[in-house]
PDB file of N, CA and C in Angstrom:
ATOM      1  N   MET A   1      25.185   2.017  27.033  1.00  0.00           N
ATOM      2  CA  MET A   1      24.212   2.651  27.661  1.00  0.00           C
ATOM      3  C   MET A   1      22.676   1.236  26.986  1.00  0.00           C
ATOM      4  N   ASN A   2      22.354   1.629  27.762  1.00  0.00           N
ATOM      5  CA  ASN A   2      20.709   0.736  27.742  1.00  0.00           C
ATOM      6  C   ASN A   2      20.179   1.214  27.023  1.00  0.00           C
ATOM      7  N   ASP A   3      19.683   0.728  25.487  1.00  0.00           N
ATOM      8  CA  ASP A   3      18.983   0.990  24.088  1.00  0.00           C
ATOM      9  C   ASP A   3      17.283   0.876  24.856  1.00  0.00           C
ATOM     10  N   ILE A   4      17.205   1.880  25.570  1.00  0.00           N
ATOM     11  CA  ILE A   4      15.153   1.819  26.220  1.00  0.00           C
ATOM     12  C   ILE A   4      14.698   2.068  24.429  1.00  0.00           C
ATOM     13  N   PHE A   5      14.723   2.787  23.484  1.00  0.00           N
ATOM     14  CA  PHE A   5      14.108   3.389  22.197  1.00  0.00           C
ATOM     15  C   PHE A   5      13.949   2.358  21.089  1.00  0.00           C
ATOM     16  N   ASP A   6      12.973   2.309  20.677  1.00  0.00           N
ATOM     17  CA  ASP A   6      12.830   1.922  18.956  1.00  0.00           C
ATOM     18  C   ASP A   6      13.637   3.104  18.552  1.00  0.00           C
ATOM     19  N   GLN A   7      13.893   2.227  16.731  1.00  0.00           N
ATOM     20  CA  GLN A   7      14.301   3.087  16.227  1.00  0.00           C
ATOM     21  C   GLN A   7      13.002   3.653  15.164  1.00  0.00           C
ATOM     22  N   ILE A   8      13.609   5.046  15.146  1.00  0.00           N
ATOM     23  CA  ILE A   8      12.215   5.608  14.418  1.00  0.00           C
ATOM     24  C   ILE A   8      12.416   4.990  12.711  1.00  0.00           C
ATOM     25  N   THR A   9      11.104   5.096  12.527  1.00  0.00           N
ATOM     26  CA  THR A   9      11.154   4.715  10.683  1.00  0.00           C
ATOM     27  C   THR A   9      10.619   5.864   9.809  1.00  0.00           C
ATOM     28  N   VAL A  10      11.405   6.875   9.120  1.00  0.00           N
ATOM     29  CA  VAL A  10      10.526   7.801   8.628  1.00  0.00           C
ATOM     30  C   VAL A  10      10.326   6.902   7.126  1.00  0.00           C
ATOM     31  N   ARG A  11       8.853   7.616   6.774  1.00  0.00           N
ATOM     32  CA  ARG A  11       8.495   6.459   5.395  1.00  0.00           C
ATOM     33  C   ARG A  11       8.276   8.559   4.714  1.00  0.00           C
ATOM     34  N   THR A  12       8.457   7.769   3.718  1.00  0.00           N
ATOM     35  CA  THR A  12       8.480   8.797   2.119  1.00  0.00           C
ATOM     36  C   THR A  12       6.801   9.247   1.950  1.00  0.00           C
ATOM     37  N   ILE A  13       6.351  10.610   1.318  1.00  0.00           N
ATOM     38  CA  ILE A  13       4.750  10.500   1.109  1.00  0.00           C
ATOM     39  C   ILE A  13       4.377   9.486   0.496  1.00  0.00           C
ATOM     40  N   PRO A  14       5.132   8.708  -0.627  1.00  0.00           N
ATOM     41  CA  PRO A  14       4.435   7.780  -1.385  1.00  0.00           C
ATOM     42  C   PRO A  14       4.466   6.722  -0.590  1.00  0.00           C
ATOM     43  N   GLU A  15       5.270   5.921   0.762  1.00  0.00           N
ATOM     44  CA  GLU A  15       5.276   4.934   1.228  1.00  0.00           C
ATOM     45  C   GLU A  15       3.287   5.560   1.944  1.00  0.00           C
ATOM     46  N   GLN A  16       3.472   6.724   2.696  1.00  0.00           N
ATOM     47  CA  GLN A  16       2.468   6.848   3.193  1.00  0.00           C
ATOM     48  C   GLN A  16       1.141   6.747   2.607  1.00  0.00           C
ATOM     49  N   ILE A  17       1.015   7.179   1.439  1.00  0.00           N
ATOM     50  CA  ILE A  17      -0.369   7.235   0.264  1.00  0.00           C
ATOM     51  C   ILE A  17      -0.450   5.663  -0.092  1.00  0.00           C
ATOM     52  N   ALA A  18       0.495   5.017  -0.015  1.00  0.00           N
ATOM     53  CA  ALA A  18       0.231   3.702  -0.515  1.00  0.00           C
ATOM     54  C   ALA A  18       0.163   2.632   0.457  1.00  0.00           C
ATOM     55  N   GLU A  19       0.312   3.233   1.699  1.00  0.00           N
ATOM     56  CA  GLU A  19      -0.094   2.520   3.057  1.00  0.00           C
ATOM     57  C   GLU A  19      -1.645   3.146   3.538  1.00  0.00           C
ATOM     58  N   GLN A  20      -1.865   4.159   2.831  1.00  0.00           N
ATOM     59  CA  GLN A  20      -3.459   4.895   3.118  1.00  0.00           C
ATOM     60  C   GLN A  20      -4.579   3.704   1.940  1.00  0.00           C
ATOM     61  N   ILE A  21      -3.664   4.127   1.002  1.00  0.00           N
ATOM     62  CA  ILE A  21      -4.936   2.907   0.032  1.00  0.00           C
ATOM     63  C   ILE A  21      -4.338   1.653   0.115  1.00  0.00           C
ATOM     64  N   LYS A  22      -3.304   0.689   0.906  1.00  0.00           N
ATOM     65  CA  LYS A  22      -3.264  -0.708   1.134  1.00  0.00           C
ATOM     66  C   LYS A  22      -4.374  -0.666   2.718  1.00  0.00           C
ATOM     67  N   GLN A  23      -4.490   0.236   3.443  1.00  0.00           N
ATOM     68  CA  GLN A  23      -5.450   0.200   4.278  1.00  0.00           C
ATOM     69  C   GLN A  23      -6.791   0.197   3.756  1.00  0.00           C
ATOM     70  N   GLU A  24      -7.193   0.860   3.127  1.00  0.00           N
ATOM     71  CA  GLU A  24      -8.571   0.767   2.443  1.00  0.00           C
ATOM     72  C   GLU A  24      -9.101  -0.339   1.412  1.00  0.00           C
ATOM     73  N   ILE A  25      -7.421  -1.009   1.094  1.00  0.00           N
ATOM     74  CA  ILE A  25      -7.606  -2.516   0.263  1.00  0.00           C
ATOM     75  C   ILE A  25      -8.338  -3.337   1.270  1.00  0.00           C
ATOM     76  N   PHE A  26      -7.647  -3.649   2.518  1.00  0.00           N
ATOM     77  CA  PHE A  26      -7.481  -4.420   3.506  1.00  0.00           C
ATOM     78  C   PHE A  26      -8.676  -4.657   4.147  1.00  0.00           C
ATOM     79  N   SER A  27      -9.136  -3.297   4.162  1.00  0.00           N
ATOM     80  CA  SER A  27     -10.625  -2.765   5.103  1.00  0.00           C
ATOM     81  C   SER A  27     -11.763  -3.323   4.274  1.00  0.00           C
ATOM     82  N   GLY A  28     -11.590  -3.197   3.049  1.00  0.00           N
ATOM     83  CA  GLY A  28     -12.883  -3.885   2.162  1.00  0.00           C
ATOM     84  C   GLY A  28     -13.250  -2.447   1.278  1.00  0.00           C
ATOM     85  N   ILE A  29     -13.082  -1.539   2.151  1.00  0.00           N
ATOM     86  CA  ILE A  29     -13.557  -0.184   1.154  1.00  0.00           C
ATOM     87  C   ILE A  29     -12.988  -0.317  -0.240  1.00  0.00           C
ATOM     88  N   LEU A  30     -12.049  -0.540  -0.760  1.00  0.00           N
ATOM     89  CA  LEU A  30     -11.920  -1.044  -1.797  1.00  0.00           C
ATOM     90  C   LEU A  30     -11.760  -2.173  -2.422  1.00  0.00           C
ATOM     91  N   LYS A  31     -12.526  -2.580  -3.151  1.00  0.00           N
ATOM     92  CA  LYS A  31     -13.043  -4.339  -3.652  1.00  0.00           C
ATOM     93  C   LYS A  31     -11.956  -4.747  -4.669  1.00  0.00           C
ATOM     94  N   PRO A  32     -11.966  -5.256  -4.352  1.00  0.00           N
ATOM     95  CA  PRO A  32     -10.958  -6.215  -6.018  1.00  0.00           C
ATOM     96  C   PRO A  32     -11.830  -6.175  -7.028  1.00  0.00           C
ATOM     97  N   GLY A  33     -10.870  -5.361  -8.163  1.00  0.00           N
ATOM     98  CA  GLY A  33     -11.502  -5.282  -9.686  1.00  0.00           C
ATOM     99  C   GLY A  33     -12.000  -3.427  -9.794  1.00  0.00           C
ATOM    100  N   SER A  34     -12.211  -2.853  -8.101  1.00  0.00           N
ATOM    101  CA  SER A  34     -12.527  -1.752  -8.383  1.00  0.00           C
ATOM    102  C   SER A  34     -11.557  -0.997  -8.709  1.00  0.00           C
ATOM    103  N   LYS A  35     -12.147   0.417  -9.861  1.00  0.00           N
ATOM    104  CA  LYS A  35     -11.225   1.428 -10.299  1.00  0.00           C
ATOM    105  C   LYS A  35     -10.845   2.275  -9.298  1.00  0.00           C
ATOM    106  N   LEU A  36      -9.675   2.632  -9.217  1.00  0.00           N
ATOM    107  CA  LEU A  36      -8.953   4.003  -8.898  1.00  0.00           C
ATOM    108  C   LEU A  36      -8.793   5.441  -9.097  1.00  0.00           C
ATOM    109  N   PRO A  37      -9.544   6.105  -8.519  1.00  0.00           N
ATOM    110  CA  PRO A  37      -9.587   7.632  -9.367  1.00  0.00           C
ATOM    111  C   PRO A  37      -8.755   7.818  -9.751  1.00  0.00           C
ATOM    112  N   PRO A  38      -8.987   9.149 -11.084  1.00  0.00           N
ATOM    113  CA  PRO A  38      -7.916   9.186 -11.730  1.00  0.00           C
ATOM    114  C   PRO A  38      -6.599   9.936 -11.446  1.00  0.00           C
ATOM    115  N   LEU A  39      -5.290   9.539 -11.894  1.00  0.00           N
ATOM    116  CA  LEU A  39      -4.304  10.665 -11.007  1.00  0.00           C
ATOM    117  C   LEU A  39      -5.000  12.175 -10.655  1.00  0.00           C
ATOM    118  N   GLU A  40      -5.106  12.792 -11.437  1.00  0.00           N
ATOM    119  CA  GLU A  40      -5.459  14.145 -11.343  1.00  0.00           C
ATOM    120  C   GLU A  40      -6.518  14.587  -9.697  1.00  0.00           C
ATOM    121  N   GLU A  41      -7.293  13.263  -9.701  1.00  0.00           N
ATOM    122  CA  GLU A  41      -8.405  13.540  -8.755  1.00  0.00           C
ATOM    123  C   GLU A  41      -7.383  12.926  -7.324  1.00  0.00           C
ATOM    124  N   LEU A  42      -6.878  11.777  -7.574  1.00  0.00           N
ATOM    125  CA  LEU A  42      -6.246  11.565  -6.524  1.00  0.00           C
ATOM    126  C   LEU A  42      -5.021  12.608  -5.746  1.00  0.00           C
ATOM    127  N   SER A  43      -4.225  13.090  -6.706  1.00  0.00           N
ATOM    128  CA  SER A  43      -3.342  13.944  -6.227  1.00  0.00           C
ATOM    129  C   SER A  43      -4.224  15.556  -5.753  1.00  0.00           C
ATOM    130  N   ASP A  44      -5.174  15.935  -6.543  1.00  0.00           N
ATOM    131  CA  ASP A  44      -6.115  16.930  -5.431  1.00  0.00           C
ATOM    132  C   ASP A  44      -6.579  16.602  -4.235  1.00  0.00           C
ATOM    133  N   ARG A  45      -7.181  15.382  -4.269  1.00  0.00           N
ATOM    134  CA  ARG A  45      -7.728  14.861  -3.183  1.00  0.00           C
ATOM    135  C   ARG A  45      -6.787  14.775  -2.085  1.00  0.00           C
ATOM    136  N   LEU A  46      -5.763  14.772  -2.141  1.00  0.00           N
ATOM    137  CA  LEU A  46      -4.171  14.405  -0.995  1.00  0.00           C
ATOM    138  C   LEU A  46      -3.099  15.412  -0.875  1.00  0.00           C
ATOM    139  N   GLY A  47      -3.506  16.929  -1.860  1.00  0.00           N
ATOM    140  CA  GLY A  47      -2.647  17.730  -1.675  1.00  0.00           C
ATOM    141  C   GLY A  47      -1.396  17.493  -2.265  1.00  0.00           C
ATOM    142  N   VAL A  48      -0.846  16.442  -3.458  1.00  0.00           N
ATOM    143  CA  VAL A  48       0.362  16.218  -3.494  1.00  0.00           C
ATOM    144  C   VAL A  48       0.452  15.944  -5.170  1.00  0.00           C
ATOM    145  N   SER A  49       1.357  16.177  -5.392  1.00  0.00           N
ATOM    146  CA  SER A  49       1.943  15.660  -7.278  1.00  0.00           C
ATOM    147  C   SER A  49       1.555  14.991  -7.778  1.00  0.00           C
ATOM    148  N   LYS A  50       1.367  14.549  -8.780  1.00  0.00           N
ATOM    149  CA  LYS A  50       0.798  13.490  -9.798  1.00  0.00           C
ATOM    150  C   LYS A  50       1.934  12.423  -9.648  1.00  0.00           C
ATOM    151  N   PRO A  51       3.268  12.929 -10.032  1.00  0.00           N
ATOM    152  CA  PRO A  51       4.201  12.086  -9.871  1.00  0.00           C
ATOM    153  C   PRO A  51       4.147  11.235  -8.455  1.00  0.00           C
ATOM    154  N   THR A  52       4.086  11.713  -7.785  1.00  0.00           N
ATOM    155  CA  THR A  52       4.281  11.211  -6.154  1.00  0.00           C
ATOM    156  C   THR A  52       3.197  10.389  -5.416  1.00  0.00           C
ATOM    157  N   ILE A  53       1.562  10.757  -6.680  1.00  0.00           N
ATOM    158  CA  ILE A  53       1.023   9.832  -6.180  1.00  0.00           C
ATOM    159  C   ILE A  53       1.159   8.885  -7.325  1.00  0.00           C
ATOM    160  N   SER A  54       1.437   8.887  -8.384  1.00  0.00           N
ATOM    161  CA  SER A  54       2.126   7.550  -9.446  1.00  0.00           C
ATOM    162  C   SER A  54       3.507   6.754  -8.716  1.00  0.00           C
ATOM    163  N   GLN A  55       4.287   7.379  -8.053  1.00  0.00           N
ATOM    164  CA  GLN A  55       5.255   6.606  -6.937  1.00  0.00           C
ATOM    165  C   GLN A  55       4.394   5.797  -6.001  1.00  0.00           C
ATOM    166  N   ALA A  56       3.786   6.023  -5.083  1.00  0.00           N
ATOM    167  CA  ALA A  56       2.707   5.249  -4.523  1.00  0.00           C
ATOM    168  C   ALA A  56       1.992   3.662  -5.498  1.00  0.00           C
ATOM    169  N   LEU A  57       1.805   4.219  -6.550  1.00  0.00           N
ATOM    170  CA  LEU A  57       0.894   3.310  -7.029  1.00  0.00           C
ATOM    171  C   LEU A  57       1.661   2.703  -7.809  1.00  0.00           C
ATOM    172  N   HIS A  58       3.132   2.537  -7.900  1.00  0.00           N
ATOM    173  CA  HIS A  58       4.208   1.813  -8.517  1.00  0.00           C
ATOM    174  C   HIS A  58       4.433   1.046  -7.224  1.00  0.00           C
ATOM    175  N   LEU A  59       4.663   1.454  -6.181  1.00  0.00           N
ATOM    176  CA  LEU A  59       4.312   0.101  -4.627  1.00  0.00           C
ATOM    177  C   LEU A  59       3.270  -0.316  -4.593  1.00  0.00           C
ATOM    178  N   LEU A  60       2.604   0.270  -4.983  1.00  0.00           N
ATOM    179  CA  LEU A  60       1.458  -0.992  -4.496  1.00  0.00           C
ATOM    180  C   LEU A  60       1.101  -1.816  -6.048  1.00  0.00           C
ATOM    181  N   GLN A  61       2.176  -1.560  -7.082  1.00  0.00           N
ATOM    182  CA  GLN A  61       2.085  -2.613  -8.301  1.00  0.00           C
ATOM    183  C   GLN A  61       2.689  -3.336  -7.643  1.00  0.00           C
ATOM    184  N   LYS A  62       3.754  -2.846  -6.961  1.00  0.00           N
ATOM    185  CA  LYS A  62       5.181  -3.862  -6.929  1.00  0.00           C
ATOM    186  C   LYS A  62       4.767  -5.144  -5.774  1.00  0.00           C
ATOM    187  N   SER A  63       3.463  -4.668  -5.110  1.00  0.00           N
ATOM    188  CA  SER A  63       3.464  -5.450  -4.287  1.00  0.00           C
ATOM    189  C   SER A  63       2.024  -6.303  -4.679  1.00  0.00           C
ATOM    190  N   ASP A  64       1.498  -6.737  -6.087  1.00  0.00           N
ATOM    191  CA  ASP A  64       0.316  -6.902  -6.407  1.00  0.00           C
ATOM    192  C   ASP A  64      -0.700  -6.495  -5.920  1.00  0.00           C
ATOM    193  N   LEU A  65      -0.804  -5.451  -5.829  1.00  0.00           N
ATOM    194  CA  LEU A  65      -2.249  -4.938  -4.818  1.00  0.00           C
ATOM    195  C   LEU A  65      -3.294  -4.400  -6.336  1.00  0.00           C
ATOM    196  N   VAL A  66      -2.531  -3.463  -6.633  1.00  0.00           N
ATOM    197  CA  VAL A  66      -2.513  -2.611  -7.846  1.00  0.00           C
ATOM    198  C   VAL A  66      -2.265  -3.079  -9.280  1.00  0.00           C
ATOM    199  N   SER A  67      -2.913  -3.194 -10.089  1.00  0.00           N
ATOM    200  CA  SER A  67      -3.084  -3.440 -11.710  1.00  0.00           C
ATOM    201  C   SER A  67      -3.344  -1.904 -12.341  1.00  0.00           C
ATOM    202  N   THR A  68      -2.873  -1.628 -13.381  1.00  0.00           N
ATOM    203  CA  THR A  68      -2.438  -0.821 -14.608  1.00  0.00           C
ATOM    204  C   THR A  68      -3.262  -1.477 -16.019  1.00  0.00           C
ATOM    205  N   THR A  69      -3.992  -1.061 -16.424  1.00  0.00           N
ATOM    206  CA  THR A  69      -5.017  -1.343 -17.819  1.00  0.00           C
ATOM    207  C   THR A  69      -4.698   0.211 -18.783  1.00  0.00           C
ATOM    208  N   LYS A  70      -4.215  -0.348 -19.792  1.00  0.00           N
ATOM    209  CA  LYS A  70      -4.108   1.080 -20.822  1.00  0.00           C
ATOM    210  C   LYS A  70      -5.845   1.071 -21.315  1.00  0.00           C
ATOM    211  N   GLY A  71      -5.318   2.138 -22.059  1.00  0.00           N
ATOM    212  CA  GLY A  71      -7.008   2.495 -22.992  1.00  0.00           C
ATOM    213  C   GLY A  71      -7.858   3.217 -22.743  1.00  0.00           C
ATOM    214  N   ARG A  72      -9.012   3.180 -23.188  1.00  0.00           N
ATOM    215  CA  ARG A  72      -9.772   3.973 -23.287  1.00  0.00           C
ATOM    216  C   ARG A  72     -10.410   3.934 -21.856  1.00  0.00           C
ATOM    217  N   ASN A  73     -10.643   2.683 -21.503  1.00  0.00           N
ATOM    218  CA  ASN A  73     -11.063   2.351 -20.090  1.00  0.00           C
ATOM    219  C   ASN A  73     -10.458   2.156 -18.737  1.00  0.00           C
ATOM    220  N   GLY A  74      -8.675   2.517 -19.158  1.00  0.00           N
ATOM    221  CA  GLY A  74      -8.127   2.097 -18.402  1.00  0.00           C
ATOM    222  C   GLY A  74      -7.958   2.804 -17.318  1.00  0.00           C
ATOM    223  N   GLY A  75      -6.563   2.280 -16.254  1.00  0.00           N
ATOM    224  CA  GLY A  75      -6.667   3.101 -15.084  1.00  0.00           C
ATOM    225  C   GLY A  75      -6.201   2.253 -14.194  1.00  0.00           C
ATOM    226  N   TYR A  76      -5.831   2.355 -12.975  1.00  0.00           N
ATOM    227  CA  TYR A  76      -5.590   1.480 -11.752  1.00  0.00           C
ATOM    228  C   TYR A  76      -6.533   0.828 -11.255  1.00  0.00           C
ATOM    229  N   PHE A  77      -6.308  -0.464 -11.145  1.00  0.00           N
ATOM    230  CA  PHE A  77      -7.381  -1.139 -10.433  1.00  0.00           C
ATOM    231  C   PHE A  77      -6.905  -2.124  -9.478  1.00  0.00           C
ATOM    232  N   ILE A  78      -7.997  -2.871  -8.241  1.00  0.00           N
ATOM    233  CA  ILE A  78      -7.383  -3.243  -7.190  1.00  0.00           C
ATOM    234  C   ILE A  78      -7.567  -4.772  -7.714  1.00  0.00           C
ATOM    235  N   THR A  79      -6.576  -5.508  -7.334  1.00  0.00           N
ATOM    236  CA  THR A  79      -6.192  -6.925  -8.532  1.00  0.00           C
ATOM    237  C   THR A  79      -6.973  -7.801  -7.561  1.00  0.00           C
ATOM    238  N   GLU A  80      -7.848  -8.714  -8.192  1.00  0.00           N
ATOM    239  CA  GLU A  80      -8.256  -9.579  -8.007  1.00  0.00           C
ATOM    240  C   GLU A  80      -7.870 -10.369  -7.030  1.00  0.00           C
ATOM    241  N   SER A  81      -6.569 -10.692  -6.684  1.00  0.00           N
ATOM    242  CA  SER A  81      -5.954 -11.653  -5.554  1.00  0.00           C
ATOM    243  C   SER A  81      -5.188 -11.077  -4.448  1.00  0.00           C
ATOM    244  N   PHE A  82      -5.913  -9.960  -4.375  1.00  0.00           N
ATOM    245  CA  PHE A  82      -5.384  -9.076  -2.984  1.00  0.00           C
ATOM    246  C   PHE A  82      -5.597  -9.894  -1.751  1.00  0.00           C
ATOM    247  N   GLY A  83      -6.379 -11.081  -1.786  1.00  0.00           N
ATOM    248  CA  GLY A  83      -6.942 -11.619  -0.344  1.00  0.00           C
ATOM    249  C   GLY A  83      -5.241 -12.523  -0.109  1.00  0.00           C
ATOM    250  N   ASP A  84      -4.876 -13.148  -1.357  1.00  0.00           N
ATOM    251  CA  ASP A  84      -3.488 -14.119  -0.794  1.00  0.00           C
ATOM    252  C   ASP A  84      -2.384 -12.990  -0.279  1.00  0.00           C
ATOM    253  N   LYS A  85      -2.337 -11.720  -1.222  1.00  0.00           N
ATOM    254  CA  LYS A  85      -1.261 -11.132  -0.671  1.00  0.00           C
ATOM    255  C   LYS A  85      -1.713 -10.865   1.012  1.00  0.00           C
ATOM    256  N   LEU A  86      -3.223 -10.532   1.329  1.00  0.00           N
ATOM    257  CA  LEU A  86      -3.305 -10.140   2.839  1.00  0.00           C
ATOM    258  C   LEU A  86      -2.999 -11.241   3.406  1.00  0.00           C
ATOM    259  N   ALA A  87      -3.486 -12.307   3.306  1.00  0.00           N
ATOM    260  CA  ALA A  87      -3.078 -13.625   3.778  1.00  0.00           C
ATOM    261  C   ALA A  87      -1.241 -13.768   4.288  1.00  0.00           C
ATOM    262  N   GLN A  88      -0.242 -13.732   3.139  1.00  0.00           N
ATOM    263  CA  GLN A  88       1.162 -13.572   2.862  1.00  0.00           C
ATOM    264  C   GLN A  88       1.580 -12.112   3.746  1.00  0.00           C
ATOM    265  N   SER A  89       1.202 -11.118   3.827  1.00  0.00           N
ATOM    266  CA  SER A  89       1.071  -9.900   4.773  1.00  0.00           C
ATOM    267  C   SER A  89       0.830 -10.088   6.261  1.00  0.00           C
ATOM    268  N   MET A  90       0.264 -10.969   6.630  1.00  0.00           N
ATOM    269  CA  MET A  90      -0.331 -11.337   8.090  1.00  0.00           C
ATOM    270  C   MET A  90       0.704 -12.465   8.238  1.00  0.00           C
ATOM    271  N   TYR A  91       0.909 -12.842   7.519  1.00  0.00           N
ATOM    272  CA  TYR A  91       1.855 -14.018   7.868  1.00  0.00           C
ATOM    273  C   TYR A  91       3.619 -13.862   7.981  1.00  0.00           C
ATOM    274  N   GLU A  92       3.879 -12.495   7.363  1.00  0.00           N
ATOM    275  CA  GLU A  92       5.379 -11.916   7.841  1.00  0.00           C
ATOM    276  C   GLU A  92       5.230 -11.377   8.768  1.00  0.00           C
ATOM    277  N   MET A  93       3.856 -10.658   9.355  1.00  0.00           N
ATOM    278  CA  MET A  93       4.019  -9.752  10.353  1.00  0.00           C
ATOM    279  C   MET A  93       4.048 -10.561  11.446  1.00  0.00           C
ATOM    280  N   ILE A  94       3.226 -11.548  11.711  1.00  0.00           N
ATOM    281  CA  ILE A  94       3.121 -12.880  12.604  1.00  0.00           C
ATOM    282  C   ILE A  94       4.651 -12.829  13.292  1.00  0.00           C
ATOM    283  N   THR A  95       5.546 -13.770  11.634  1.00  0.00           N
ATOM    284  CA  THR A  95       6.722 -14.275  11.898  1.00  0.00           C
ATOM    285  C   THR A  95       7.779 -13.413  12.231  1.00  0.00           C
ATOM    286  N   PHE A  96       7.944 -12.182  11.802  1.00  0.00           N
ATOM    287  CA  PHE A  96       8.313 -10.695  12.221  1.00  0.00           C
ATOM    288  C   PHE A  96       8.168 -10.736  13.953  1.00  0.00           C
ATOM    289  N   SER A  97       6.859 -10.794  14.271  1.00  0.00           N
ATOM    290  CA  SER A  97       6.594 -10.716  15.894  1.00  0.00           C
ATOM    291  C   SER A  97       7.521 -11.852  16.742  1.00  0.00           C
ATOM    292  N   LEU A  98       7.434 -12.838  16.390  1.00  0.00           N
ATOM    293  CA  LEU A  98       7.276 -13.309  17.126  1.00  0.00           C
ATOM    294  C   LEU A  98       9.084 -13.761  17.261  1.00  0.00           C
ATOM    295  N   LYS A  99       9.973 -13.068  16.236  1.00  0.00           N
ATOM    296  CA  LYS A  99      11.344 -13.552  16.318  1.00  0.00           C
ATOM    297  C   LYS A  99      11.418 -12.395  17.520  1.00  0.00           C
ATOM    298  N   TYR A 100      10.753 -11.053  16.836  1.00  0.00           N
ATOM    299  CA  TYR A 100      11.277  -9.925  17.457  1.00  0.00           C
ATOM    300  C   TYR A 100      11.063 -10.413  19.029  1.00  0.00           C
ATOM    301  N   ALA A 101      10.282 -11.032  19.326  1.00  0.00           N
ATOM    302  CA  ALA A 101       9.212 -11.150  20.839  1.00  0.00           C
ATOM    303  C   ALA A 101      10.263 -12.377  21.236  1.00  0.00           C
ATOM    304  N   ASP A 102      11.297 -13.006  20.610  1.00  0.00           N
ATOM    305  CA  ASP A 102      12.041 -13.618  20.844  1.00  0.00           C
ATOM    306  C   ASP A 102      13.421 -13.048  21.674  1.00  0.00           C
ATOM    307  N   GLN A 103      14.043 -11.971  20.491  1.00  0.00           N
ATOM    308  CA  GLN A 103      14.994 -11.480  20.962  1.00  0.00           C
ATOM    309  C   GLN A 103      15.114 -10.299  22.279  1.00  0.00           C
ATOM    310  N   LYS A 104      13.480  -9.799  23.066  1.00  0.00           N
ATOM    311  CA  LYS A 104      13.610  -9.571  23.943  1.00  0.00           C
ATOM    312  C   LYS A 104      13.913 -10.405  25.529  1.00  0.00           C
TER     313      LYS A 104
END
């Protein structure tokens, strides 16, 4: 059978939230060094549980797009080096696109 359909990728809710925040970072809505709202506020805004928000923020931390600071003025912050991460992501996307285009 000729495979004419691309495989559908199902993303979890934390992955979807992380992607939404990532888009706001890359578009410049969220600036380097800016503080994200508290978990409770994000949870209320997005209509999901705090653990779900925590999972999304953990994904962003693994990508070095968000860092955490403890203490009275602590919270989640957009990292200062996200521009380097953007360049790396773009490189990976272009490389993948070229590789995929060669297979067709």
